[in-house]
Each structure stands twice: as C-alpha cells, then as structure tokens.
N, C-alpha and C. Protein backbone atom coordinates (compact mmCIF):
# COMPACT_ATOMS: atom_id res chain seq x y z
N MET A 1 5.32 1.77 23.88
CA MET A 1 4.90 3.00 23.66
C MET A 1 3.86 3.26 22.69
N THR A 2 2.53 3.95 23.16
CA THR A 2 1.52 3.85 22.38
C THR A 2 1.54 5.21 21.30
N ARG A 3 0.60 5.14 20.05
CA ARG A 3 0.63 6.34 19.44
C ARG A 3 -0.37 7.14 19.84
N PRO A 4 0.01 8.58 19.77
CA PRO A 4 -0.98 9.52 20.33
C PRO A 4 -2.23 9.66 19.68
N SER A 5 -3.38 10.00 20.32
CA SER A 5 -4.63 9.68 19.59
C SER A 5 -4.73 10.61 18.49
N GLY A 6 -5.53 10.29 17.45
CA GLY A 6 -5.46 11.29 16.26
C GLY A 6 -4.57 10.90 14.99
N LYS A 7 -3.36 10.23 15.73
CA LYS A 7 -2.48 9.91 14.90
C LYS A 7 -2.59 8.32 14.05
N SER A 8 -2.66 8.23 12.86
CA SER A 8 -2.88 7.08 12.10
C SER A 8 -1.58 6.65 11.18
N ASP A 9 -1.58 5.53 11.26
CA ASP A 9 -0.22 4.74 10.20
C ASP A 9 -0.86 4.74 8.71
N ALA A 10 -2.36 4.83 8.70
CA ALA A 10 -2.51 4.84 7.68
C ALA A 10 -1.72 5.69 6.71
N PHE A 11 -1.65 5.63 5.06
CA PHE A 11 -0.89 6.88 4.39
C PHE A 11 -1.53 6.00 2.82
N ALA A 12 -1.57 7.24 2.18
CA ALA A 12 -2.21 7.40 0.80
C ALA A 12 -1.27 8.20 -0.03
N GLY A 13 -0.82 7.73 -1.38
CA GLY A 13 0.08 8.31 -2.20
C GLY A 13 -0.37 7.79 -3.73
N ILE A 14 0.49 8.79 -4.41
CA ILE A 14 0.47 8.41 -5.69
C ILE A 14 1.88 7.85 -6.32
N HIS A 15 1.54 7.24 -7.26
CA HIS A 15 2.98 6.20 -7.47
C HIS A 15 2.51 6.11 -9.39
N ARG A 16 3.50 6.95 -10.18
CA ARG A 16 3.19 6.82 -11.48
C ARG A 16 1.65 7.21 -11.90
N GLY A 17 1.17 8.11 -11.33
CA GLY A 17 -0.39 8.37 -11.60
C GLY A 17 -1.41 7.60 -11.11
N ILE A 18 -0.83 6.88 -10.37
CA ILE A 18 -1.95 5.84 -9.81
C ILE A 18 -2.23 6.15 -8.30
N ARG A 19 -3.59 6.30 -7.84
CA ARG A 19 -3.09 6.57 -6.31
C ARG A 19 -3.84 5.34 -5.72
N TYR A 20 -2.71 5.01 -4.36
CA TYR A 20 -2.77 3.75 -3.74
C TYR A 20 -3.06 4.44 -2.21
N SER A 21 -3.58 3.24 -1.30
CA SER A 21 -3.91 3.45 -0.11
C SER A 21 -3.39 2.28 0.66
N LEU A 22 -2.84 2.61 1.78
CA LEU A 22 -1.99 1.81 2.48
C LEU A 22 -2.44 1.93 4.21
N ARG A 23 -2.75 0.59 4.73
CA ARG A 23 -3.16 1.03 6.22
C ARG A 23 -2.77 -0.38 6.85
N PRO A 24 -2.55 -0.13 8.33
CA PRO A 24 -2.13 -1.33 8.93
C PRO A 24 -2.78 -2.95 9.18
N ASN A 25 -2.70 -3.81 9.00
CA ASN A 25 -3.31 -4.80 9.02
C ASN A 25 -3.92 -5.10 10.88
N ALA A 26 -4.55 -6.11 10.77
CA ALA A 26 -4.78 -6.56 12.25
C ALA A 26 -3.68 -7.42 12.70
N ALA A 27 -3.00 -8.00 11.90
CA ALA A 27 -1.61 -8.86 12.00
C ALA A 27 -0.60 -7.69 12.21
N PRO A 28 0.36 -8.06 12.92
CA PRO A 28 1.37 -7.19 13.37
C PRO A 28 2.38 -7.24 11.87
N GLY A 29 3.23 -6.24 11.19
CA GLY A 29 4.18 -6.45 10.58
C GLY A 29 3.24 -6.57 8.93
N TYR A 30 1.77 -6.48 8.95
CA TYR A 30 1.34 -6.77 7.71
C TYR A 30 0.72 -5.46 7.31
N TRP A 31 0.28 -5.07 6.16
CA TRP A 31 -0.49 -3.81 5.69
C TRP A 31 -1.16 -3.94 4.78
N HIS A 32 -2.43 -3.68 4.78
CA HIS A 32 -3.69 -3.80 3.55
C HIS A 32 -3.45 -2.55 2.49
N TYR A 33 -3.03 -3.21 1.36
CA TYR A 33 -3.15 -1.97 0.26
C TYR A 33 -4.48 -2.11 -0.60
N ALA A 34 -4.58 -1.26 -1.25
CA ALA A 34 -5.60 -0.97 -2.45
C ALA A 34 -5.05 0.21 -3.44
N TYR A 35 -5.35 -0.03 -4.53
CA TYR A 35 -5.38 0.74 -5.83
C TYR A 35 -5.98 0.15 -6.98
N ALA A 36 -6.34 1.11 -7.99
CA ALA A 36 -6.91 0.75 -9.00
C ALA A 36 -6.18 1.35 -10.42
N ILE A 37 -5.88 0.30 -11.49
CA ILE A 37 -5.30 0.54 -12.89
C ILE A 37 -6.50 0.40 -13.69
N GLY A 38 -7.10 1.32 -14.51
CA GLY A 38 -7.56 0.90 -15.62
C GLY A 38 -9.24 0.34 -14.93
N GLY A 39 -9.59 0.98 -13.98
CA GLY A 39 -11.06 0.67 -13.70
C GLY A 39 -10.96 -0.55 -12.91
N MET A 40 -9.80 -1.34 -12.98
CA MET A 40 -9.79 -2.64 -12.02
C MET A 40 -9.33 -2.47 -10.77
N VAL A 41 -9.77 -2.71 -9.62
CA VAL A 41 -9.44 -2.55 -8.42
C VAL A 41 -8.43 -3.69 -8.05
N ARG A 42 -7.38 -3.50 -7.68
CA ARG A 42 -6.52 -4.40 -6.64
C ARG A 42 -6.34 -4.07 -5.48
N SER A 43 -6.28 -5.23 -4.40
CA SER A 43 -6.08 -5.02 -3.06
C SER A 43 -5.52 -6.46 -2.64
N GLY A 44 -5.04 -6.26 -1.37
CA GLY A 44 -4.27 -7.24 -0.75
C GLY A 44 -3.38 -6.90 0.38
N ARG A 45 -2.57 -7.76 0.94
CA ARG A 45 -1.80 -7.21 1.81
C ARG A 45 -0.12 -7.36 1.50
N VAL A 46 0.72 -6.47 2.01
CA VAL A 46 2.05 -7.01 2.10
C VAL A 46 2.59 -6.75 3.21
N GLN A 47 3.77 -7.52 3.17
CA GLN A 47 4.83 -7.61 4.69
C GLN A 47 5.77 -6.76 4.86
N GLY A 48 6.09 -6.22 5.99
CA GLY A 48 6.56 -5.12 6.04
C GLY A 48 6.53 -4.32 7.63
N ARG A 49 7.82 -4.54 8.45
CA ARG A 49 7.61 -3.87 9.39
C ARG A 49 7.86 -2.29 9.78
N LEU A 50 8.08 -1.83 8.79
CA LEU A 50 8.44 -0.37 8.51
C LEU A 50 7.02 0.25 7.52
N ARG A 51 6.36 1.12 7.53
CA ARG A 51 5.86 1.84 6.62
C ARG A 51 6.27 1.84 5.41
N LEU A 52 7.42 2.42 5.57
CA LEU A 52 8.10 2.80 4.03
C LEU A 52 8.64 1.69 3.48
N LEU A 53 8.79 0.38 4.07
CA LEU A 53 9.31 -0.54 3.31
C LEU A 53 7.62 -1.24 2.42
N ALA A 54 6.67 -1.13 3.36
CA ALA A 54 5.53 -1.71 2.81
C ALA A 54 4.95 -0.81 1.75
N VAL A 55 5.41 0.60 1.74
CA VAL A 55 4.84 1.69 0.35
C VAL A 55 5.79 1.34 -0.65
N ARG A 56 7.05 0.80 -0.63
CA ARG A 56 8.09 0.62 -1.60
C ARG A 56 7.28 -0.73 -2.18
N ARG A 57 6.57 -1.86 -1.34
CA ARG A 57 6.56 -3.17 -1.80
C ARG A 57 5.08 -2.89 -2.54
N VAL A 58 4.40 -1.71 -2.04
CA VAL A 58 2.96 -1.42 -2.84
C VAL A 58 3.31 -0.80 -4.53
N GLN A 59 4.41 0.01 -4.42
CA GLN A 59 4.82 0.54 -5.71
C GLN A 59 5.51 -0.30 -6.59
N MET A 60 6.31 -1.38 -6.00
CA MET A 60 6.74 -2.37 -6.78
C MET A 60 5.63 -3.20 -7.59
N ARG A 61 4.46 -3.62 -6.74
CA ARG A 61 3.25 -4.02 -7.45
C ARG A 61 2.65 -3.42 -8.42
N ILE A 62 2.68 -2.02 -8.32
CA ILE A 62 1.85 -1.14 -9.24
C ILE A 62 2.63 -1.16 -10.63
N ASP A 63 4.13 -0.91 -10.44
CA ASP A 63 5.10 -1.18 -11.77
C ASP A 63 4.60 -2.65 -12.45
N ARG A 64 4.47 -3.55 -11.71
CA ARG A 64 4.48 -4.92 -12.43
C ARG A 64 3.15 -5.04 -13.01
N ASP A 65 2.16 -4.53 -12.34
CA ASP A 65 0.72 -4.19 -12.94
C ASP A 65 0.56 -3.48 -14.39
N MET A 66 1.56 -2.31 -14.30
CA MET A 66 1.73 -1.57 -15.46
C MET A 66 2.33 -1.70 -16.46
N ARG A 67 3.13 -2.82 -16.32
CA ARG A 67 3.95 -3.35 -17.53
C ARG A 67 2.95 -4.45 -18.73
N PRO A 68 3.39 -4.10 -19.74
CA PRO A 68 2.50 -4.68 -20.90
C PRO A 68 2.48 -6.32 -20.84
N GLY A 69 1.50 -6.68 -20.98
CA GLY A 69 1.30 -8.26 -20.93
C GLY A 69 1.13 -8.61 -19.80
N SER A 70 0.73 -7.44 -18.61
CA SER A 70 0.53 -8.11 -17.28
C SER A 70 -1.22 -8.20 -16.97
C-alpha cells in the first residue's frame, strides 16, 4: 500500500518546551531526529517501526539531555 501524494510521515512536536523534528530515514524502521537544547543541536537516528514509538524515544532522549549533570 502506498501513501497518497502530499502525505508525509515527517513529524514535528514540542516536548518540555523543546521543539523537535522527526522524519523517516532511508532504512526501513529507522527515523532521523533533531532538536536543540541551550544552543546545542542534537541529531541522530532512532529505531521504531511505528512513528509513535520513534516519537517516544526522541522524547526520552530530550528528558535525558535535560537532566542536571548531562
């Protein structure tokens, strides 16, 4: 099944005041993310077959980076 044109799996959101973006990677089941905390840009990739799972994993990374001493 193909996705209709104009529809994208890309996602942008805000978690704890941090804006982040998420888009599918070329490899199936992987997502590319990016966010900035205190002027430092963080980016990488997370694994998750479902978009909501990838969103949750990015939110967990944001939480980890916001902890004192990180």
